[in-house]
Protein backbone atom coordinates (compact mmCIF):
# COMPACT_ATOMS: atom_id res chain seq x y z
CA UNK A 1 2.88 45.06 51.34
CA UNK A 2 5.49 46.56 49.07
CA UNK A 3 6.31 44.98 45.71
CA UNK A 4 9.80 45.77 44.42
CA UNK A 5 11.05 44.60 41.01
CA UNK A 6 14.78 43.83 40.87
CA UNK A 7 17.43 42.22 38.68
CA UNK A 8 20.79 40.58 39.33
CA UNK A 9 23.55 40.25 36.75
CA UNK A 10 26.45 37.86 37.19
CA UNK A 11 29.38 36.52 35.18
CA UNK A 12 30.18 33.04 36.43
CA UNK A 13 33.92 33.44 36.99
CA UNK A 14 34.17 30.02 38.60
CA UNK A 15 32.93 26.48 38.02
CA UNK A 16 31.93 26.18 41.70
CA UNK A 17 28.29 26.10 42.78
CA UNK A 18 27.55 29.81 43.34
CA UNK A 19 24.73 31.50 45.24
CA UNK A 20 22.88 33.84 42.88
CA UNK A 21 20.17 34.95 45.30
CA UNK A 22 18.84 34.29 48.79
CA UNK A 23 15.40 35.59 49.76
CA UNK A 24 15.68 38.03 52.68
CA UNK A 25 13.98 37.34 56.01
CA UNK A 26 10.30 38.44 56.14
CA UNK A 27 10.17 38.48 52.33
CA UNK A 28 8.57 36.38 49.60
CA UNK A 29 10.19 36.45 46.16
CA UNK A 30 8.48 35.86 42.84
CA UNK A 31 11.13 34.80 40.34
CA UNK A 32 10.19 36.12 36.91
CA UNK A 33 13.01 34.86 34.67
CA UNK A 34 16.55 33.60 34.52
CA UNK A 35 18.66 33.68 31.36
CA UNK A 36 22.06 32.06 30.89
CA UNK A 37 24.10 33.47 28.02
CA UNK A 38 27.18 31.77 26.57
CA UNK A 39 29.68 34.57 25.87
CA UNK A 40 32.39 32.19 24.63
CA UNK A 41 33.00 32.41 20.89
CA UNK A 42 34.07 28.81 20.44
CA UNK A 43 32.74 26.31 22.99
CA UNK A 44 29.35 25.06 24.13
CA UNK A 45 28.80 25.59 27.87
CA UNK A 46 26.64 23.76 30.41
CA UNK A 47 24.68 25.23 33.33
CA UNK A 48 23.17 23.88 36.52
CA UNK A 49 20.51 25.90 38.34
CA UNK A 50 19.11 24.73 41.66
CA UNK A 51 16.64 26.06 44.20
CA UNK A 52 16.07 25.19 47.84
CA UNK A 53 15.75 26.25 51.44
CA UNK A 54 18.91 27.35 53.23
CA UNK A 55 20.46 24.33 54.90
CA UNK A 56 18.35 21.84 52.94
CA UNK A 57 19.09 19.74 49.88
CA UNK A 58 18.42 21.74 46.72
CA UNK A 59 16.37 20.61 43.71
CA UNK A 60 17.59 21.23 40.18
CA UNK A 61 15.60 23.45 37.86
CA UNK A 62 18.02 22.37 35.15
CA UNK A 63 21.08 20.13 35.27
CA UNK A 64 23.72 20.25 32.55
CA UNK A 65 21.56 22.52 30.41
CA UNK A 66 23.25 23.16 27.08
CA UNK A 67 23.97 26.79 26.22
CA UNK A 68 25.22 26.96 22.61
CA UNK A 69 28.08 29.25 21.62
CA UNK A 70 27.04 32.93 21.43
CA UNK A 71 23.51 32.02 22.45
CA UNK A 72 21.22 32.10 25.49
CA UNK A 73 19.02 29.66 27.38
CA UNK A 74 15.89 30.83 29.20
CA UNK A 75 16.08 28.63 32.29
CA UNK A 76 13.01 29.97 34.12
CA UNK A 77 9.98 30.63 31.92
CA UNK A 78 7.18 30.52 34.50
CA UNK A 79 7.12 32.24 37.91
CA UNK A 80 8.64 30.43 40.89
CA UNK A 81 7.81 31.45 44.46
CA UNK A 82 10.63 31.54 47.02
CA UNK A 83 9.99 31.91 50.72
CA UNK A 84 12.24 33.65 53.25
CA UNK A 85 15.81 32.32 53.12
CA UNK A 86 15.21 30.12 50.05
CA UNK A 87 18.07 30.34 47.57
CA UNK A 88 18.95 29.96 43.90
CA UNK A 89 22.40 28.63 43.00
CA UNK A 90 24.08 28.49 39.59
CA UNK A 91 27.06 26.57 38.28
CA UNK A 92 28.83 26.73 34.92
CA UNK A 93 30.98 24.14 33.16
CA UNK A 94 33.69 26.67 32.31
CA UNK A 95 35.10 29.82 33.90
CA UNK A 96 33.85 33.15 32.45
CA UNK A 97 31.74 31.51 29.71
CA UNK A 98 28.27 32.13 31.23
CA UNK A 99 26.55 35.42 32.06
CA UNK A 100 23.35 35.31 34.14
CA UNK A 101 20.42 37.75 34.01
CA UNK A 102 17.94 37.17 36.82
CA UNK A 103 14.68 39.10 37.23
CA UNK A 104 12.42 38.93 40.29
CA UNK A 105 9.97 40.74 42.54
CA UNK A 106 10.36 40.95 46.33
CA UNK A 107 7.17 41.17 48.38
CA UNK A 108 7.67 42.60 51.85
């Protein structure tokens, strides 16, 4: 088994529900952390983060989490295990206000 540490970085340039990550086939993913940073200098932003199997109803890790102006919210503080084809989606309340930093390990 190979263990590979990885990170994804994303600016949420839309308010639509957006796929951040989908676990590849024949892989297990250990999610280490997810940070949402409000890069807007004036307004509070809100974030939704959900997890679920592809094709199934997702469960929210956080819904309408408040991210203060020029601040960050650590959404995932404890490891979460994702199986093959499970996904993490993110959604922001405003365009271009939220940056995401996502750290994980893929086990193949």
